[in-house]
Amino acid sequence: MILGIGVDIVHVRRIHHWLSVPGLVDRFFHPDEIAAARGRGHSAALSLAARFAAKEAFGKALGTGLAGIVLRDIQVINNHNGRPDIRLHGTALKRLEDLGGKRVLLTLTHESDNAVAVVVIEG
């Protein structure tokens, strides 16, 4: 059963700015997300924009937004085939469990200027 659906779009230039401010990306991203994005060189901002869109879409799918959730507790990973997936920790995992969520589905897409994420929570 679907418990929630969320979608979000992020302008990549916003993330370019965040990367220029020391320590700012550390507030929003899991350390593994940052390391993976930096490993992508010039497309680091695009990668992080897609991941930030996923975090926002997750909050929308919850129906409560992200208040009280530490954004680093929402980690976007890629499986062995490259498919994006969400790994939840701490505050984010608790919120999912409180909702009765059992599975989180994620898809990402991006162009040079924008990144979009869609999240579906199943119960």
N, C-alpha and C. Protein backbone atom coordinates (compact mmCIF):
# COMPACT_ATOMS: atom_id res chain seq x y z
N MET A 1 0.84 -1.18 0.00
CA MET A 1 0.00 0.00 0.00
C MET A 1 0.89 1.25 0.00
N ILE A 2 0.55 2.20 -0.83
CA ILE A 2 1.31 3.46 -0.89
C ILE A 2 0.84 4.37 0.24
N LEU A 3 1.81 4.82 1.05
CA LEU A 3 1.52 5.73 2.16
C LEU A 3 1.79 7.19 1.81
N GLY A 4 2.66 7.41 0.82
CA GLY A 4 2.98 8.78 0.44
C GLY A 4 3.82 8.86 -0.80
N ILE A 5 3.67 9.98 -1.52
CA ILE A 5 4.45 10.27 -2.72
C ILE A 5 4.96 11.69 -2.59
N GLY A 6 6.22 11.90 -2.95
CA GLY A 6 6.79 13.24 -2.92
C GLY A 6 7.66 13.48 -4.13
N VAL A 7 7.70 14.73 -4.57
CA VAL A 7 8.55 15.12 -5.70
C VAL A 7 9.20 16.46 -5.36
N ASP A 8 10.42 16.66 -5.86
CA ASP A 8 11.10 17.94 -5.63
C ASP A 8 12.07 18.20 -6.78
N ILE A 9 12.32 19.48 -7.02
CA ILE A 9 13.27 19.92 -8.03
C ILE A 9 14.25 20.89 -7.37
N VAL A 10 15.52 20.76 -7.72
CA VAL A 10 16.56 21.63 -7.17
C VAL A 10 17.36 22.22 -8.32
N HIS A 11 17.59 23.53 -8.27
CA HIS A 11 18.44 24.20 -9.26
C HIS A 11 19.90 23.95 -8.88
N VAL A 12 20.68 23.47 -9.80
CA VAL A 12 22.07 23.09 -9.54
C VAL A 12 22.89 24.29 -9.08
N ARG A 13 22.57 25.49 -9.55
CA ARG A 13 23.35 26.67 -9.15
C ARG A 13 23.28 26.90 -7.64
N ARG A 14 22.18 26.48 -7.01
CA ARG A 14 22.06 26.58 -5.55
C ARG A 14 23.14 25.73 -4.87
N ILE A 15 23.38 24.54 -5.39
CA ILE A 15 24.37 23.65 -4.81
C ILE A 15 25.79 24.14 -5.12
N HIS A 16 25.98 24.72 -6.29
CA HIS A 16 27.29 25.33 -6.60
C HIS A 16 27.64 26.36 -5.53
N HIS A 17 26.67 27.16 -5.14
CA HIS A 17 26.89 28.15 -4.08
C HIS A 17 27.24 27.46 -2.76
N TRP A 18 26.49 26.43 -2.39
CA TRP A 18 26.76 25.71 -1.14
C TRP A 18 28.18 25.16 -1.11
N LEU A 19 28.64 24.66 -2.25
CA LEU A 19 30.00 24.11 -2.31
C LEU A 19 31.07 25.18 -2.10
N SER A 20 30.72 26.44 -2.35
CA SER A 20 31.69 27.52 -2.16
C SER A 20 31.73 28.03 -0.73
N VAL A 21 30.81 27.59 0.11
CA VAL A 21 30.76 28.02 1.52
C VAL A 21 31.32 26.89 2.39
N PRO A 22 32.47 27.09 3.02
CA PRO A 22 33.08 26.02 3.81
C PRO A 22 32.12 25.45 4.86
N GLY A 23 32.02 24.12 4.86
CA GLY A 23 31.21 23.42 5.85
C GLY A 23 29.73 23.35 5.60
N LEU A 24 29.23 24.08 4.59
CA LEU A 24 27.78 24.13 4.39
C LEU A 24 27.22 22.79 3.93
N VAL A 25 27.87 22.14 2.98
CA VAL A 25 27.34 20.85 2.51
C VAL A 25 27.36 19.80 3.62
N ASP A 26 28.25 19.96 4.58
CA ASP A 26 28.32 19.01 5.70
C ASP A 26 27.04 19.04 6.55
N ARG A 27 26.32 20.14 6.52
CA ARG A 27 25.07 20.24 7.29
C ARG A 27 23.94 19.44 6.66
N PHE A 28 24.00 19.25 5.34
CA PHE A 28 22.87 18.68 4.62
C PHE A 28 23.10 17.27 4.10
N PHE A 29 24.35 16.84 3.99
CA PHE A 29 24.64 15.57 3.33
C PHE A 29 25.44 14.63 4.22
N HIS A 30 25.16 13.36 4.08
CA HIS A 30 25.91 12.31 4.76
C HIS A 30 27.35 12.35 4.21
N PRO A 31 28.34 12.07 5.04
CA PRO A 31 29.73 12.12 4.57
C PRO A 31 29.98 11.24 3.33
N ASP A 32 29.33 10.10 3.25
CA ASP A 32 29.52 9.24 2.07
C ASP A 32 28.95 9.88 0.81
N GLU A 33 27.86 10.65 0.94
CA GLU A 33 27.30 11.35 -0.22
C GLU A 33 28.28 12.40 -0.72
N ILE A 34 28.89 13.11 0.20
CA ILE A 34 29.84 14.16 -0.17
C ILE A 34 31.06 13.56 -0.87
N ALA A 35 31.58 12.48 -0.30
CA ALA A 35 32.76 11.83 -0.89
C ALA A 35 32.45 11.32 -2.30
N ALA A 36 31.29 10.69 -2.47
CA ALA A 36 30.92 10.17 -3.79
C ALA A 36 30.76 11.31 -4.79
N ALA A 37 30.13 12.39 -4.37
CA ALA A 37 29.91 13.53 -5.28
C ALA A 37 31.24 14.18 -5.67
N ARG A 38 32.11 14.38 -4.70
CA ARG A 38 33.41 15.00 -5.00
C ARG A 38 34.22 14.13 -5.95
N GLY A 39 34.01 12.82 -5.89
CA GLY A 39 34.69 11.91 -6.80
C GLY A 39 34.21 12.03 -8.24
N ARG A 40 33.11 12.74 -8.44
CA ARG A 40 32.57 12.94 -9.79
C ARG A 40 33.10 14.21 -10.44
N GLY A 41 34.01 14.90 -9.77
CA GLY A 41 34.65 16.08 -10.35
C GLY A 41 33.68 17.20 -10.62
N HIS A 42 33.65 17.67 -11.87
CA HIS A 42 32.84 18.85 -12.21
C HIS A 42 31.33 18.60 -12.10
N SER A 43 30.91 17.36 -12.00
CA SER A 43 29.47 17.09 -11.85
C SER A 43 29.07 16.87 -10.38
N ALA A 44 29.93 17.26 -9.45
CA ALA A 44 29.63 17.10 -8.03
C ALA A 44 28.36 17.85 -7.64
N ALA A 45 28.21 19.07 -8.11
CA ALA A 45 27.01 19.86 -7.76
C ALA A 45 25.74 19.21 -8.30
N LEU A 46 25.81 18.66 -9.48
CA LEU A 46 24.65 17.98 -10.06
C LEU A 46 24.27 16.76 -9.23
N SER A 47 25.26 16.00 -8.82
CA SER A 47 25.01 14.82 -7.97
C SER A 47 24.38 15.22 -6.64
N LEU A 48 24.93 16.25 -6.01
CA LEU A 48 24.38 16.69 -4.73
C LEU A 48 22.99 17.31 -4.89
N ALA A 49 22.75 17.99 -5.99
CA ALA A 49 21.42 18.56 -6.23
C ALA A 49 20.38 17.45 -6.31
N ALA A 50 20.69 16.36 -7.00
CA ALA A 50 19.75 15.24 -7.10
C ALA A 50 19.51 14.64 -5.72
N ARG A 51 20.55 14.52 -4.92
CA ARG A 51 20.41 13.97 -3.58
C ARG A 51 19.64 14.89 -2.66
N PHE A 52 19.83 16.18 -2.80
CA PHE A 52 19.05 17.10 -1.97
C PHE A 52 17.57 17.06 -2.38
N ALA A 53 17.30 16.96 -3.67
CA ALA A 53 15.92 16.83 -4.13
C ALA A 53 15.29 15.57 -3.54
N ALA A 54 16.06 14.49 -3.43
CA ALA A 54 15.54 13.25 -2.84
C ALA A 54 15.18 13.44 -1.37
N LYS A 55 15.98 14.19 -0.64
CA LYS A 55 15.70 14.45 0.77
C LYS A 55 14.40 15.24 0.91
N GLU A 56 14.25 16.27 0.08
CA GLU A 56 13.02 17.08 0.11
C GLU A 56 11.80 16.25 -0.31
N ALA A 57 11.96 15.42 -1.33
CA ALA A 57 10.86 14.57 -1.79
C ALA A 57 10.47 13.57 -0.71
N PHE A 58 11.45 13.07 0.03
CA PHE A 58 11.16 12.16 1.14
C PHE A 58 10.28 12.86 2.19
N GLY A 59 10.62 14.08 2.54
CA GLY A 59 9.81 14.83 3.50
C GLY A 59 8.39 15.04 3.01
N LYS A 60 8.23 15.30 1.74
CA LYS A 60 6.90 15.47 1.16
C LYS A 60 6.14 14.16 1.16
N ALA A 61 6.82 13.06 0.88
CA ALA A 61 6.16 11.75 0.89
C ALA A 61 5.71 11.38 2.30
N LEU A 62 6.45 11.81 3.31
CA LEU A 62 6.04 11.58 4.69
C LEU A 62 4.75 12.31 5.01
N GLY A 63 4.53 13.42 4.32
CA GLY A 63 3.36 14.23 4.60
C GLY A 63 3.56 15.21 5.74
N THR A 64 4.74 15.22 6.32
CA THR A 64 5.04 16.09 7.46
C THR A 64 6.18 17.04 7.18
N GLY A 65 6.84 16.89 6.05
CA GLY A 65 8.01 17.70 5.77
C GLY A 65 9.22 17.17 6.54
N LEU A 66 10.25 17.97 6.59
CA LEU A 66 11.52 17.54 7.18
C LEU A 66 11.78 18.10 8.58
N ALA A 67 10.81 18.80 9.15
CA ALA A 67 11.00 19.36 10.49
C ALA A 67 11.34 18.23 11.47
N GLY A 68 12.41 18.42 12.22
CA GLY A 68 12.83 17.43 13.20
C GLY A 68 13.68 16.31 12.64
N ILE A 69 13.94 16.33 11.34
CA ILE A 69 14.78 15.31 10.72
C ILE A 69 16.14 15.93 10.41
N VAL A 70 17.19 15.25 10.81
CA VAL A 70 18.55 15.66 10.46
C VAL A 70 18.78 15.21 9.02
N LEU A 71 19.05 16.14 8.13
CA LEU A 71 19.16 15.81 6.71
C LEU A 71 20.27 14.80 6.42
N ARG A 72 21.32 14.78 7.21
CA ARG A 72 22.37 13.79 7.03
C ARG A 72 21.86 12.37 7.31
N ASP A 73 20.71 12.26 7.99
CA ASP A 73 20.12 10.95 8.28
C ASP A 73 19.39 10.37 7.07
N ILE A 74 19.28 11.12 6.00
CA ILE A 74 18.72 10.63 4.74
C ILE A 74 19.90 10.53 3.77
N GLN A 75 20.30 9.32 3.49
CA GLN A 75 21.48 9.09 2.64
C GLN A 75 21.04 8.47 1.33
N VAL A 76 21.41 9.11 0.23
CA VAL A 76 21.13 8.56 -1.09
C VAL A 76 22.36 7.80 -1.56
N ILE A 77 22.16 6.54 -1.91
CA ILE A 77 23.24 5.68 -2.38
C ILE A 77 22.87 5.15 -3.76
N ASN A 78 23.81 4.53 -4.40
CA ASN A 78 23.55 3.84 -5.66
C ASN A 78 23.84 2.36 -5.43
N ASN A 79 22.91 1.50 -5.86
CA ASN A 79 23.14 0.07 -5.69
C ASN A 79 24.18 -0.42 -6.70
N HIS A 80 24.44 -1.71 -6.72
CA HIS A 80 25.48 -2.27 -7.58
C HIS A 80 25.20 -2.05 -9.08
N ASN A 81 23.95 -1.80 -9.43
CA ASN A 81 23.60 -1.50 -10.82
C ASN A 81 23.54 -0.01 -11.11
N GLY A 82 23.80 0.82 -10.09
CA GLY A 82 23.75 2.26 -10.26
C GLY A 82 22.41 2.89 -9.92
N ARG A 83 21.40 2.06 -9.61
CA ARG A 83 20.08 2.58 -9.28
C ARG A 83 20.13 3.32 -7.94
N PRO A 84 19.54 4.52 -7.87
CA PRO A 84 19.54 5.26 -6.61
C PRO A 84 18.61 4.60 -5.59
N ASP A 85 19.00 4.71 -4.35
CA ASP A 85 18.22 4.16 -3.24
C ASP A 85 18.42 5.06 -2.04
N ILE A 86 17.50 4.99 -1.10
CA ILE A 86 17.62 5.79 0.12
C ILE A 86 17.94 4.87 1.29
N ARG A 87 18.95 5.25 2.05
CA ARG A 87 19.30 4.56 3.29
C ARG A 87 19.00 5.55 4.42
N LEU A 88 18.14 5.16 5.34
CA LEU A 88 17.72 6.05 6.41
C LEU A 88 18.42 5.70 7.72
N HIS A 89 18.71 6.74 8.48
CA HIS A 89 19.36 6.61 9.78
C HIS A 89 18.59 7.46 10.78
N GLY A 90 18.81 7.20 12.05
CA GLY A 90 18.37 8.06 13.14
C GLY A 90 16.98 8.66 12.99
N THR A 91 16.94 9.99 12.92
CA THR A 91 15.66 10.72 12.91
C THR A 91 14.80 10.39 11.70
N ALA A 92 15.41 10.17 10.56
CA ALA A 92 14.64 9.86 9.35
C ALA A 92 14.04 8.46 9.43
N LEU A 93 14.81 7.50 9.93
CA LEU A 93 14.31 6.14 10.07
C LEU A 93 13.16 6.09 11.07
N LYS A 94 13.29 6.82 12.16
CA LYS A 94 12.22 6.86 13.17
C LYS A 94 10.94 7.42 12.57
N ARG A 95 11.06 8.49 11.79
CA ARG A 95 9.87 9.11 11.18
C ARG A 95 9.19 8.13 10.22
N LEU A 96 9.99 7.39 9.44
CA LEU A 96 9.42 6.39 8.54
C LEU A 96 8.69 5.30 9.33
N GLU A 97 9.33 4.81 10.39
CA GLU A 97 8.71 3.77 11.22
C GLU A 97 7.44 4.27 11.87
N ASP A 98 7.43 5.53 12.34
CA ASP A 98 6.23 6.10 12.96
C ASP A 98 5.07 6.16 11.98
N LEU A 99 5.37 6.36 10.70
CA LEU A 99 4.36 6.40 9.65
C LEU A 99 3.86 5.00 9.30
N GLY A 100 4.64 4.00 9.64
CA GLY A 100 4.31 2.63 9.25
C GLY A 100 4.91 2.25 7.92
N GLY A 101 5.89 3.05 7.47
CA GLY A 101 6.54 2.77 6.20
C GLY A 101 7.47 1.58 6.28
N LYS A 102 7.46 0.77 5.23
CA LYS A 102 8.30 -0.42 5.16
C LYS A 102 9.34 -0.33 4.05
N ARG A 103 9.04 0.44 3.00
CA ARG A 103 9.92 0.51 1.84
C ARG A 103 9.86 1.90 1.25
N VAL A 104 11.02 2.41 0.82
CA VAL A 104 11.09 3.71 0.18
C VAL A 104 11.65 3.50 -1.23
N LEU A 105 10.91 3.97 -2.22
CA LEU A 105 11.34 3.89 -3.62
C LEU A 105 11.77 5.27 -4.07
N LEU A 106 12.82 5.34 -4.88
CA LEU A 106 13.38 6.62 -5.32
C LEU A 106 13.76 6.56 -6.79
N THR A 107 13.47 7.63 -7.49
CA THR A 107 14.03 7.81 -8.83
C THR A 107 14.55 9.24 -8.92
N LEU A 108 15.64 9.40 -9.65
CA LEU A 108 16.28 10.70 -9.85
C LEU A 108 16.46 10.96 -11.34
N THR A 109 16.42 12.22 -11.71
CA THR A 109 16.79 12.62 -13.06
C THR A 109 17.38 14.01 -12.99
N HIS A 110 18.23 14.34 -13.95
CA HIS A 110 18.84 15.67 -13.93
C HIS A 110 19.31 16.06 -15.32
N GLU A 111 19.37 17.36 -15.49
CA GLU A 111 19.94 18.01 -16.66
C GLU A 111 21.02 18.94 -16.12
N SER A 112 21.57 19.76 -16.95
CA SER A 112 22.65 20.62 -16.50
C SER A 112 22.22 21.65 -15.46
N ASP A 113 20.96 22.08 -15.49
CA ASP A 113 20.50 23.14 -14.60
C ASP A 113 19.64 22.67 -13.43
N ASN A 114 18.99 21.51 -13.56
CA ASN A 114 18.02 21.07 -12.56
C ASN A 114 18.16 19.59 -12.27
N ALA A 115 17.79 19.22 -11.04
CA ALA A 115 17.72 17.83 -10.63
C ALA A 115 16.35 17.59 -10.01
N VAL A 116 15.76 16.44 -10.32
CA VAL A 116 14.42 16.10 -9.85
C VAL A 116 14.47 14.74 -9.17
N ALA A 117 13.70 14.60 -8.09
CA ALA A 117 13.58 13.32 -7.40
C ALA A 117 12.11 13.04 -7.12
N VAL A 118 11.75 11.77 -7.20
CA VAL A 118 10.43 11.30 -6.82
C VAL A 118 10.62 10.18 -5.81
N VAL A 119 9.87 10.26 -4.70
CA VAL A 119 9.93 9.26 -3.64
C VAL A 119 8.53 8.70 -3.42
N VAL A 120 8.45 7.38 -3.28
CA VAL A 120 7.22 6.70 -2.92
C VAL A 120 7.50 5.90 -1.65
N ILE A 121 6.63 6.06 -0.65
CA ILE A 121 6.74 5.28 0.59
C ILE A 121 5.63 4.25 0.59
N GLU A 122 6.05 2.99 0.77
CA GLU A 122 5.09 1.89 0.85
C GLU A 122 5.00 1.41 2.30
N GLY A 123 3.80 0.95 2.67
CA GLY A 123 3.58 0.43 4.01
C GLY A 123 3.29 -1.05 3.98
